[in-house]
Amino acid sequence: MTVAAVLVLAVVALAGAGLALRPERVRPSTGAAVLAAGLGVAAALAWRAGQPSDGLVAAGLVAAVLAATSGGGPVATAVLRAADPSGAGASGGPADPQVLRGGAWIGLLERIAIAVTLLRGFPEGLAVVLAVKGLGRYAELRAPTAAERFIIGTLASALWAAGCVGVAALLRS
């Protein structure tokens, strides 16, 4: 079961990278659902896993960080699309490139930092990462839909990273 969990986690990482390489406007939202389902399967397999070898745990940790990093962008984009304020007549939906530019790179770095801090047993680092991100975006959050997009995107991204780390934690135990 442990080998299967690591393999599924690696597939989630590869699928996330494949989706992340596609432009946001043509990225299918169903891809995020597939990633989430894959993460759920990996978690279920890790939950039922026996005592893994150190090498397998290390592979699981690497796969978890890669899955957190690569899959978070497509997941956050899908969540932002689902919460798109343009349906309510506001401008600046997820497809608007003028609202919170550079979010893909910031999100990538955010998810790496979240995964590493949680895996190192430093949950306080999560607060530091999110505070730095908030301070860095503070000036931009006055735009009509920017604050909402910031909160939704950050929470989706952070929860994805924490979920991937959760699978690694299950493999360790």
N, C-alpha and C. Protein backbone atom coordinates (compact mmCIF):
# COMPACT_ATOMS: atom_id res chain seq x y z
N MET A 1 0.81 -1.20 0.00
CA MET A 1 0.00 0.00 0.00
C MET A 1 0.86 1.27 0.00
N THR A 2 2.00 1.22 0.68
CA THR A 2 2.86 2.39 0.75
C THR A 2 3.40 2.76 -0.62
N VAL A 3 3.85 1.77 -1.35
CA VAL A 3 4.38 2.02 -2.70
C VAL A 3 3.28 2.61 -3.57
N ALA A 4 2.09 2.07 -3.47
CA ALA A 4 0.97 2.58 -4.27
C ALA A 4 0.65 4.03 -3.90
N ALA A 5 0.69 4.36 -2.61
CA ALA A 5 0.42 5.73 -2.18
C ALA A 5 1.45 6.70 -2.75
N VAL A 6 2.71 6.32 -2.71
CA VAL A 6 3.78 7.17 -3.25
C VAL A 6 3.62 7.32 -4.76
N LEU A 7 3.28 6.23 -5.44
CA LEU A 7 3.08 6.31 -6.89
C LEU A 7 1.91 7.21 -7.26
N VAL A 8 0.80 7.09 -6.54
CA VAL A 8 -0.36 7.94 -6.83
C VAL A 8 -0.01 9.39 -6.55
N LEU A 9 0.73 9.65 -5.48
CA LEU A 9 1.15 11.01 -5.17
C LEU A 9 2.06 11.56 -6.26
N ALA A 10 2.93 10.71 -6.80
CA ALA A 10 3.80 11.14 -7.90
C ALA A 10 2.99 11.43 -9.17
N VAL A 11 1.97 10.62 -9.43
CA VAL A 11 1.09 10.87 -10.58
C VAL A 11 0.34 12.18 -10.40
N VAL A 12 -0.12 12.46 -9.18
CA VAL A 12 -0.78 13.73 -8.91
C VAL A 12 0.18 14.89 -9.18
N ALA A 13 1.43 14.74 -8.76
CA ALA A 13 2.44 15.78 -9.01
C ALA A 13 2.64 16.00 -10.50
N LEU A 14 2.76 14.92 -11.25
CA LEU A 14 2.96 15.04 -12.71
C LEU A 14 1.74 15.62 -13.40
N ALA A 15 0.56 15.16 -13.00
CA ALA A 15 -0.67 15.70 -13.60
C ALA A 15 -0.83 17.18 -13.26
N GLY A 16 -0.49 17.54 -12.03
CA GLY A 16 -0.55 18.95 -11.64
C GLY A 16 0.40 19.80 -12.46
N ALA A 17 1.60 19.28 -12.70
CA ALA A 17 2.57 20.01 -13.52
C ALA A 17 2.05 20.16 -14.95
N GLY A 18 1.46 19.11 -15.47
CA GLY A 18 0.89 19.18 -16.81
C GLY A 18 -0.21 20.22 -16.92
N LEU A 19 -1.06 20.29 -15.90
CA LEU A 19 -2.12 21.30 -15.90
C LEU A 19 -1.56 22.70 -15.69
N ALA A 20 -0.58 22.81 -14.81
CA ALA A 20 -0.01 24.13 -14.50
C ALA A 20 0.70 24.74 -15.69
N LEU A 21 1.19 23.91 -16.58
CA LEU A 21 1.88 24.43 -17.76
C LEU A 21 0.91 24.99 -18.80
N ARG A 22 -0.35 24.66 -18.67
CA ARG A 22 -1.35 25.20 -19.59
C ARG A 22 -1.78 26.58 -19.11
N PRO A 23 -2.07 27.49 -20.03
CA PRO A 23 -2.56 28.81 -19.61
C PRO A 23 -3.85 28.69 -18.79
N GLU A 24 -4.03 29.57 -17.82
CA GLU A 24 -5.19 29.50 -16.94
C GLU A 24 -6.51 29.54 -17.69
N ARG A 25 -6.55 30.27 -18.77
CA ARG A 25 -7.82 30.43 -19.50
C ARG A 25 -8.27 29.17 -20.20
N VAL A 26 -7.35 28.27 -20.52
CA VAL A 26 -7.73 27.04 -21.21
C VAL A 26 -7.57 25.81 -20.31
N ARG A 27 -7.23 26.04 -19.06
CA ARG A 27 -7.05 24.93 -18.11
C ARG A 27 -8.42 24.42 -17.68
N PRO A 28 -8.70 23.13 -17.87
CA PRO A 28 -10.02 22.62 -17.51
C PRO A 28 -10.19 22.54 -15.98
N SER A 29 -11.35 22.97 -15.50
CA SER A 29 -11.63 22.88 -14.07
C SER A 29 -11.76 21.44 -13.61
N THR A 30 -12.12 20.56 -14.54
CA THR A 30 -12.24 19.15 -14.17
C THR A 30 -10.88 18.57 -13.81
N GLY A 31 -9.81 19.18 -14.30
CA GLY A 31 -8.47 18.72 -13.94
C GLY A 31 -8.22 18.84 -12.46
N ALA A 32 -8.72 19.90 -11.84
CA ALA A 32 -8.57 20.07 -10.39
C ALA A 32 -9.33 18.99 -9.63
N ALA A 33 -10.49 18.61 -10.15
CA ALA A 33 -11.26 17.55 -9.50
C ALA A 33 -10.51 16.22 -9.59
N VAL A 34 -9.87 15.97 -10.72
CA VAL A 34 -9.07 14.75 -10.88
C VAL A 34 -7.89 14.76 -9.91
N LEU A 35 -7.22 15.93 -9.77
CA LEU A 35 -6.12 16.03 -8.82
C LEU A 35 -6.59 15.77 -7.40
N ALA A 36 -7.72 16.36 -7.04
CA ALA A 36 -8.25 16.17 -5.69
C ALA A 36 -8.62 14.71 -5.45
N ALA A 37 -9.19 14.06 -6.45
CA ALA A 37 -9.52 12.64 -6.32
C ALA A 37 -8.25 11.81 -6.16
N GLY A 38 -7.23 12.14 -6.93
CA GLY A 38 -5.95 11.44 -6.80
C GLY A 38 -5.34 11.61 -5.43
N LEU A 39 -5.42 12.82 -4.90
CA LEU A 39 -4.90 13.06 -3.55
C LEU A 39 -5.69 12.27 -2.52
N GLY A 40 -6.98 12.17 -2.71
CA GLY A 40 -7.81 11.36 -1.82
C GLY A 40 -7.44 9.89 -1.87
N VAL A 41 -7.18 9.37 -3.06
CA VAL A 41 -6.75 7.97 -3.20
C VAL A 41 -5.40 7.77 -2.53
N ALA A 42 -4.48 8.71 -2.74
CA ALA A 42 -3.16 8.60 -2.10
C ALA A 42 -3.30 8.60 -0.58
N ALA A 43 -4.18 9.46 -0.07
CA ALA A 43 -4.39 9.52 1.38
C ALA A 43 -4.97 8.21 1.91
N ALA A 44 -5.94 7.65 1.18
CA ALA A 44 -6.54 6.39 1.61
C ALA A 44 -5.50 5.26 1.59
N LEU A 45 -4.67 5.23 0.58
CA LEU A 45 -3.63 4.21 0.51
C LEU A 45 -2.59 4.40 1.61
N ALA A 46 -2.23 5.66 1.88
CA ALA A 46 -1.25 5.93 2.93
C ALA A 46 -1.81 5.59 4.30
N TRP A 47 -3.10 5.79 4.48
CA TRP A 47 -3.76 5.49 5.74
C TRP A 47 -3.68 4.00 6.05
N ARG A 48 -3.77 3.18 5.01
CA ARG A 48 -3.77 1.72 5.17
C ARG A 48 -2.38 1.13 5.06
N ALA A 49 -1.38 1.97 4.85
CA ALA A 49 -0.01 1.49 4.63
C ALA A 49 0.58 0.90 5.90
N GLY A 50 1.51 0.00 5.69
CA GLY A 50 2.23 -0.58 6.80
C GLY A 50 3.44 0.28 7.16
N GLN A 51 4.43 -0.33 7.75
CA GLN A 51 5.65 0.37 8.14
C GLN A 51 6.55 0.51 6.91
N PRO A 52 6.69 1.72 6.37
CA PRO A 52 7.48 1.90 5.16
C PRO A 52 8.98 1.99 5.46
N SER A 53 9.77 1.73 4.45
CA SER A 53 11.21 1.90 4.58
C SER A 53 11.55 3.39 4.55
N ASP A 54 12.76 3.72 5.01
CA ASP A 54 13.17 5.12 5.01
C ASP A 54 13.21 5.69 3.60
N GLY A 55 13.65 4.89 2.64
CA GLY A 55 13.70 5.35 1.25
C GLY A 55 12.33 5.66 0.70
N LEU A 56 11.36 4.85 1.07
CA LEU A 56 9.99 5.06 0.60
C LEU A 56 9.38 6.30 1.25
N VAL A 57 9.69 6.51 2.52
CA VAL A 57 9.22 7.72 3.19
C VAL A 57 9.82 8.95 2.53
N ALA A 58 11.11 8.90 2.23
CA ALA A 58 11.78 10.03 1.56
C ALA A 58 11.15 10.29 0.20
N ALA A 59 10.88 9.24 -0.56
CA ALA A 59 10.23 9.40 -1.86
C ALA A 59 8.84 10.01 -1.69
N GLY A 60 8.14 9.60 -0.65
CA GLY A 60 6.82 10.16 -0.37
C GLY A 60 6.89 11.64 -0.02
N LEU A 61 7.90 12.02 0.74
CA LEU A 61 8.07 13.43 1.09
C LEU A 61 8.34 14.28 -0.15
N VAL A 62 9.21 13.79 -1.01
CA VAL A 62 9.52 14.51 -2.25
C VAL A 62 8.28 14.60 -3.13
N ALA A 63 7.56 13.49 -3.26
CA ALA A 63 6.34 13.49 -4.08
C ALA A 63 5.29 14.43 -3.50
N ALA A 64 5.20 14.50 -2.18
CA ALA A 64 4.22 15.39 -1.54
C ALA A 64 4.55 16.86 -1.81
N VAL A 65 5.82 17.22 -1.70
CA VAL A 65 6.21 18.61 -1.98
C VAL A 65 5.96 18.94 -3.45
N LEU A 66 6.30 18.01 -4.34
CA LEU A 66 6.07 18.25 -5.77
C LEU A 66 4.58 18.35 -6.09
N ALA A 67 3.78 17.50 -5.46
CA ALA A 67 2.32 17.55 -5.68
C ALA A 67 1.75 18.84 -5.12
N ALA A 68 2.23 19.26 -3.96
CA ALA A 68 1.76 20.52 -3.37
C ALA A 68 2.10 21.68 -4.27
N THR A 69 3.30 21.67 -4.80
CA THR A 69 3.79 22.78 -5.62
C THR A 69 3.08 22.82 -6.97
N SER A 70 3.03 21.70 -7.65
CA SER A 70 2.50 21.70 -9.02
C SER A 70 0.98 21.68 -9.08
N GLY A 71 0.33 21.02 -8.16
CA GLY A 71 -1.12 20.89 -8.23
C GLY A 71 -1.89 22.06 -7.66
N GLY A 72 -1.25 22.87 -6.84
CA GLY A 72 -1.95 23.96 -6.18
C GLY A 72 -2.46 25.04 -7.12
N GLY A 73 -1.71 25.32 -8.16
CA GLY A 73 -2.14 26.34 -9.12
C GLY A 73 -3.44 25.96 -9.82
N PRO A 74 -3.49 24.77 -10.41
CA PRO A 74 -4.76 24.37 -11.05
C PRO A 74 -5.93 24.29 -10.07
N VAL A 75 -5.66 23.85 -8.85
CA VAL A 75 -6.74 23.77 -7.86
C VAL A 75 -7.22 25.17 -7.49
N ALA A 76 -6.29 26.08 -7.22
CA ALA A 76 -6.67 27.46 -6.87
C ALA A 76 -7.42 28.13 -8.02
N THR A 77 -6.97 27.90 -9.25
CA THR A 77 -7.66 28.47 -10.41
C THR A 77 -9.08 27.95 -10.51
N ALA A 78 -9.27 26.66 -10.29
CA ALA A 78 -10.62 26.08 -10.37
C ALA A 78 -11.52 26.65 -9.27
N VAL A 79 -10.97 26.81 -8.08
CA VAL A 79 -11.77 27.38 -6.99
C VAL A 79 -12.11 28.83 -7.29
N LEU A 80 -11.15 29.59 -7.82
CA LEU A 80 -11.43 30.98 -8.19
C LEU A 80 -12.49 31.06 -9.28
N ARG A 81 -12.43 30.15 -10.23
CA ARG A 81 -13.45 30.13 -11.28
C ARG A 81 -14.82 29.86 -10.70
N ALA A 82 -14.88 28.93 -9.74
CA ALA A 82 -16.17 28.59 -9.13
C ALA A 82 -16.73 29.77 -8.35
N ALA A 83 -15.85 30.61 -7.81
CA ALA A 83 -16.28 31.76 -7.02
C ALA A 83 -16.18 33.05 -7.83
N ASP A 84 -16.22 32.96 -9.14
CA ASP A 84 -16.01 34.11 -10.03
C ASP A 84 -17.05 35.20 -9.77
N PRO A 85 -16.58 36.38 -9.37
CA PRO A 85 -17.53 37.46 -9.11
C PRO A 85 -18.13 38.07 -10.37
N SER A 86 -17.62 37.74 -11.54
CA SER A 86 -18.16 38.33 -12.77
C SER A 86 -19.59 37.87 -13.01
N GLY A 87 -19.96 36.73 -12.44
CA GLY A 87 -21.34 36.27 -12.55
C GLY A 87 -22.30 37.20 -11.81
N ALA A 88 -21.79 37.96 -10.84
CA ALA A 88 -22.63 38.89 -10.09
C ALA A 88 -22.50 40.31 -10.63
N GLY A 89 -21.89 40.48 -11.79
CA GLY A 89 -21.78 41.78 -12.42
C GLY A 89 -20.55 42.57 -12.03
N ALA A 90 -19.63 42.00 -11.26
CA ALA A 90 -18.40 42.70 -10.89
C ALA A 90 -17.31 42.39 -11.90
N SER A 91 -16.38 43.32 -12.04
CA SER A 91 -15.26 43.06 -12.94
C SER A 91 -14.11 42.46 -12.16
N GLY A 92 -13.14 41.91 -12.87
CA GLY A 92 -11.94 41.39 -12.21
C GLY A 92 -12.06 39.95 -11.79
N GLY A 93 -12.69 39.13 -12.61
CA GLY A 93 -12.80 37.71 -12.29
C GLY A 93 -11.46 37.01 -12.43
N PRO A 94 -11.44 35.70 -12.25
CA PRO A 94 -10.20 34.94 -12.31
C PRO A 94 -9.44 35.08 -13.62
N ALA A 95 -10.14 35.36 -14.70
CA ALA A 95 -9.47 35.48 -15.99
C ALA A 95 -8.90 36.88 -16.23
N ASP A 96 -9.13 37.81 -15.32
CA ASP A 96 -8.65 39.18 -15.50
C ASP A 96 -7.17 39.26 -15.15
N PRO A 97 -6.30 39.48 -16.14
CA PRO A 97 -4.86 39.49 -15.88
C PRO A 97 -4.39 40.73 -15.12
N GLN A 98 -5.25 41.73 -14.97
CA GLN A 98 -4.86 42.96 -14.28
C GLN A 98 -5.02 42.88 -12.76
N VAL A 99 -5.74 41.89 -12.28
CA VAL A 99 -5.97 41.76 -10.84
C VAL A 99 -4.96 40.77 -10.27
N LEU A 100 -4.14 41.23 -9.34
CA LEU A 100 -3.16 40.41 -8.64
C LEU A 100 -2.24 39.66 -9.60
N ARG A 101 -1.55 40.42 -10.42
CA ARG A 101 -0.61 39.83 -11.37
C ARG A 101 0.53 39.14 -10.64
N GLY A 102 1.10 38.12 -11.25
CA GLY A 102 2.21 37.39 -10.66
C GLY A 102 1.78 36.35 -9.65
N GLY A 103 0.51 36.10 -9.56
CA GLY A 103 -0.02 35.17 -8.56
C GLY A 103 0.46 33.74 -8.73
N ALA A 104 0.71 33.32 -9.95
CA ALA A 104 1.15 31.94 -10.17
C ALA A 104 2.51 31.70 -9.52
N TRP A 105 3.43 32.63 -9.70
CA TRP A 105 4.76 32.47 -9.11
C TRP A 105 4.72 32.63 -7.59
N ILE A 106 3.93 33.58 -7.13
CA ILE A 106 3.80 33.76 -5.68
C ILE A 106 3.18 32.52 -5.06
N GLY A 107 2.16 31.97 -5.70
CA GLY A 107 1.51 30.77 -5.19
C GLY A 107 2.45 29.57 -5.18
N LEU A 108 3.25 29.45 -6.20
CA LEU A 108 4.24 28.37 -6.27
C LEU A 108 5.19 28.44 -5.08
N LEU A 109 5.74 29.62 -4.85
CA LEU A 109 6.66 29.80 -3.72
C LEU A 109 5.95 29.61 -2.38
N GLU A 110 4.72 30.08 -2.31
CA GLU A 110 3.93 29.92 -1.09
C GLU A 110 3.73 28.44 -0.75
N ARG A 111 3.37 27.65 -1.75
CA ARG A 111 3.12 26.22 -1.49
C ARG A 111 4.39 25.48 -1.12
N ILE A 112 5.51 25.84 -1.73
CA ILE A 112 6.79 25.22 -1.34
C ILE A 112 7.07 25.55 0.13
N ALA A 113 6.92 26.81 0.48
CA ALA A 113 7.20 27.24 1.86
C ALA A 113 6.26 26.57 2.85
N ILE A 114 4.99 26.46 2.51
CA ILE A 114 4.03 25.81 3.40
C ILE A 114 4.38 24.35 3.58
N ALA A 115 4.65 23.65 2.48
CA ALA A 115 4.98 22.23 2.56
C ALA A 115 6.23 22.00 3.40
N VAL A 116 7.25 22.78 3.17
CA VAL A 116 8.51 22.59 3.90
C VAL A 116 8.34 22.91 5.37
N THR A 117 7.66 24.01 5.70
CA THR A 117 7.50 24.34 7.11
C THR A 117 6.68 23.28 7.85
N LEU A 118 5.64 22.78 7.22
CA LEU A 118 4.84 21.74 7.88
C LEU A 118 5.60 20.43 7.99
N LEU A 119 6.33 20.06 6.95
CA LEU A 119 7.10 18.81 7.01
C LEU A 119 8.23 18.89 8.03
N ARG A 120 8.76 20.06 8.27
CA ARG A 120 9.83 20.24 9.25
C ARG A 120 9.29 20.37 10.67
N GLY A 121 7.96 20.31 10.83
CA GLY A 121 7.38 20.40 12.16
C GLY A 121 7.35 21.83 12.71
N PHE A 122 7.23 22.81 11.83
CA PHE A 122 7.22 24.21 12.21
C PHE A 122 5.92 24.85 11.71
N PRO A 123 4.77 24.49 12.31
CA PRO A 123 3.50 25.02 11.82
C PRO A 123 3.39 26.54 11.95
N GLU A 124 4.18 27.14 12.84
CA GLU A 124 4.17 28.59 12.96
C GLU A 124 4.66 29.25 11.66
N GLY A 125 5.46 28.51 10.91
CA GLY A 125 5.95 29.00 9.63
C GLY A 125 4.82 29.29 8.66
N LEU A 126 3.71 28.56 8.80
CA LEU A 126 2.54 28.80 7.97
C LEU A 126 2.03 30.23 8.17
N ALA A 127 1.98 30.66 9.42
CA ALA A 127 1.53 32.03 9.71
C ALA A 127 2.51 33.05 9.11
N VAL A 128 3.80 32.75 9.20
CA VAL A 128 4.81 33.66 8.65
C VAL A 128 4.65 33.77 7.14
N VAL A 129 4.50 32.65 6.47
CA VAL A 129 4.37 32.64 5.01
C VAL A 129 3.15 33.44 4.58
N LEU A 130 2.02 33.21 5.24
CA LEU A 130 0.80 33.91 4.86
C LEU A 130 0.87 35.39 5.21
N ALA A 131 1.54 35.73 6.30
CA ALA A 131 1.70 37.14 6.66
C ALA A 131 2.57 37.87 5.64
N VAL A 132 3.66 37.24 5.24
CA VAL A 132 4.54 37.86 4.24
C VAL A 132 3.78 38.05 2.93
N LYS A 133 3.00 37.06 2.55
CA LYS A 133 2.22 37.18 1.32
C LYS A 133 1.21 38.32 1.43
N GLY A 134 0.54 38.41 2.56
CA GLY A 134 -0.43 39.48 2.76
C GLY A 134 0.20 40.86 2.75
N LEU A 135 1.35 40.98 3.39
CA LEU A 135 2.05 42.27 3.39
C LEU A 135 2.53 42.65 1.99
N GLY A 136 2.98 41.66 1.24
CA GLY A 136 3.44 41.92 -0.11
C GLY A 136 2.33 42.35 -1.05
N ARG A 137 1.13 41.90 -0.80
CA ARG A 137 -0.02 42.23 -1.66
C ARG A 137 -0.88 43.37 -1.10
N TYR A 138 -0.52 43.89 0.06
CA TYR A 138 -1.36 44.86 0.76
C TYR A 138 -1.82 46.01 -0.13
N ALA A 139 -0.91 46.62 -0.85
CA ALA A 139 -1.26 47.78 -1.68
C ALA A 139 -2.24 47.44 -2.79
N GLU A 140 -2.21 46.21 -3.26
CA GLU A 140 -3.09 45.81 -4.37
C GLU A 140 -4.48 45.39 -3.92
N LEU A 141 -4.68 45.19 -2.64
CA LEU A 141 -5.93 44.62 -2.15
C LEU A 141 -7.08 45.63 -2.08
N ARG A 142 -6.85 46.84 -2.51
CA ARG A 142 -7.92 47.86 -2.51
C ARG A 142 -8.79 47.77 -3.76
N ALA A 143 -8.34 47.06 -4.76
CA ALA A 143 -9.14 46.89 -5.98
C ALA A 143 -10.44 46.16 -5.61
N PRO A 144 -11.53 46.40 -6.34
CA PRO A 144 -12.84 45.87 -5.96
C PRO A 144 -12.90 44.38 -5.67
N THR A 145 -12.32 43.55 -6.51
CA THR A 145 -12.42 42.11 -6.26
C THR A 145 -11.10 41.49 -5.84
N ALA A 146 -10.07 42.30 -5.69
CA ALA A 146 -8.74 41.76 -5.38
C ALA A 146 -8.69 41.09 -4.02
N ALA A 147 -9.30 41.69 -3.01
CA ALA A 147 -9.24 41.10 -1.67
C ALA A 147 -9.93 39.74 -1.65
N GLU A 148 -11.08 39.66 -2.30
CA GLU A 148 -11.80 38.39 -2.35
C GLU A 148 -10.98 37.33 -3.08
N ARG A 149 -10.41 37.70 -4.22
CA ARG A 149 -9.57 36.76 -4.98
C ARG A 149 -8.37 36.33 -4.17
N PHE A 150 -7.76 37.27 -3.45
CA PHE A 150 -6.59 36.99 -2.63
C PHE A 150 -6.93 35.96 -1.56
N ILE A 151 -8.02 36.16 -0.86
CA ILE A 151 -8.40 35.25 0.22
C ILE A 151 -8.76 33.88 -0.32
N ILE A 152 -9.58 33.84 -1.35
CA ILE A 152 -10.00 32.56 -1.92
C ILE A 152 -8.81 31.80 -2.49
N GLY A 153 -7.99 32.47 -3.29
CA GLY A 153 -6.83 31.82 -3.90
C GLY A 153 -5.82 31.35 -2.87
N THR A 154 -5.56 32.17 -1.86
CA THR A 154 -4.61 31.80 -0.83
C THR A 154 -5.09 30.61 -0.02
N LEU A 155 -6.36 30.62 0.36
CA LEU A 155 -6.89 29.49 1.14
C LEU A 155 -6.90 28.20 0.32
N ALA A 156 -7.31 28.29 -0.94
CA ALA A 156 -7.31 27.09 -1.78
C ALA A 156 -5.90 26.54 -1.94
N SER A 157 -4.95 27.42 -2.19
CA SER A 157 -3.57 27.02 -2.38
C SER A 157 -2.97 26.43 -1.10
N ALA A 158 -3.21 27.09 0.02
CA ALA A 158 -2.66 26.62 1.30
C ALA A 158 -3.29 25.30 1.73
N LEU A 159 -4.60 25.17 1.54
CA LEU A 159 -5.26 23.90 1.90
C LEU A 159 -4.77 22.76 1.03
N TRP A 160 -4.53 23.02 -0.24
CA TRP A 160 -3.99 21.98 -1.12
C TRP A 160 -2.61 21.53 -0.63
N ALA A 161 -1.75 22.49 -0.34
CA ALA A 161 -0.40 22.16 0.15
C ALA A 161 -0.47 21.38 1.45
N ALA A 162 -1.34 21.80 2.36
CA ALA A 162 -1.49 21.09 3.63
C ALA A 162 -2.02 19.68 3.42
N GLY A 163 -2.92 19.50 2.46
CA GLY A 163 -3.43 18.17 2.16
C GLY A 163 -2.35 17.24 1.63
N CYS A 164 -1.50 17.77 0.77
CA CYS A 164 -0.39 16.97 0.24
C CYS A 164 0.58 16.58 1.36
N VAL A 165 0.85 17.52 2.24
CA VAL A 165 1.72 17.23 3.39
C VAL A 165 1.05 16.22 4.32
N GLY A 166 -0.26 16.29 4.41
CA GLY A 166 -0.99 15.31 5.23
C GLY A 166 -0.78 13.88 4.75
N VAL A 167 -0.73 13.70 3.44
CA VAL A 167 -0.48 12.35 2.91
C VAL A 167 0.93 11.90 3.30
N ALA A 168 1.90 12.81 3.22
CA ALA A 168 3.28 12.48 3.64
C ALA A 168 3.31 12.14 5.12
N ALA A 169 2.53 12.86 5.93
CA ALA A 169 2.50 12.58 7.36
C ALA A 169 1.90 11.19 7.62
N LEU A 170 0.90 10.82 6.83
CA LEU A 170 0.33 9.47 6.97
C LEU A 170 1.35 8.41 6.61
N LEU A 171 2.17 8.68 5.62
CA LEU A 171 3.21 7.72 5.23
C LEU A 171 4.25 7.56 6.33
N ARG A 172 4.55 8.64 7.05
CA ARG A 172 5.54 8.59 8.12
C ARG A 172 5.09 7.76 9.31
N SER A 173 3.79 7.78 9.58
CA SER A 173 3.29 7.12 10.80
C SER A 173 3.11 5.63 10.66
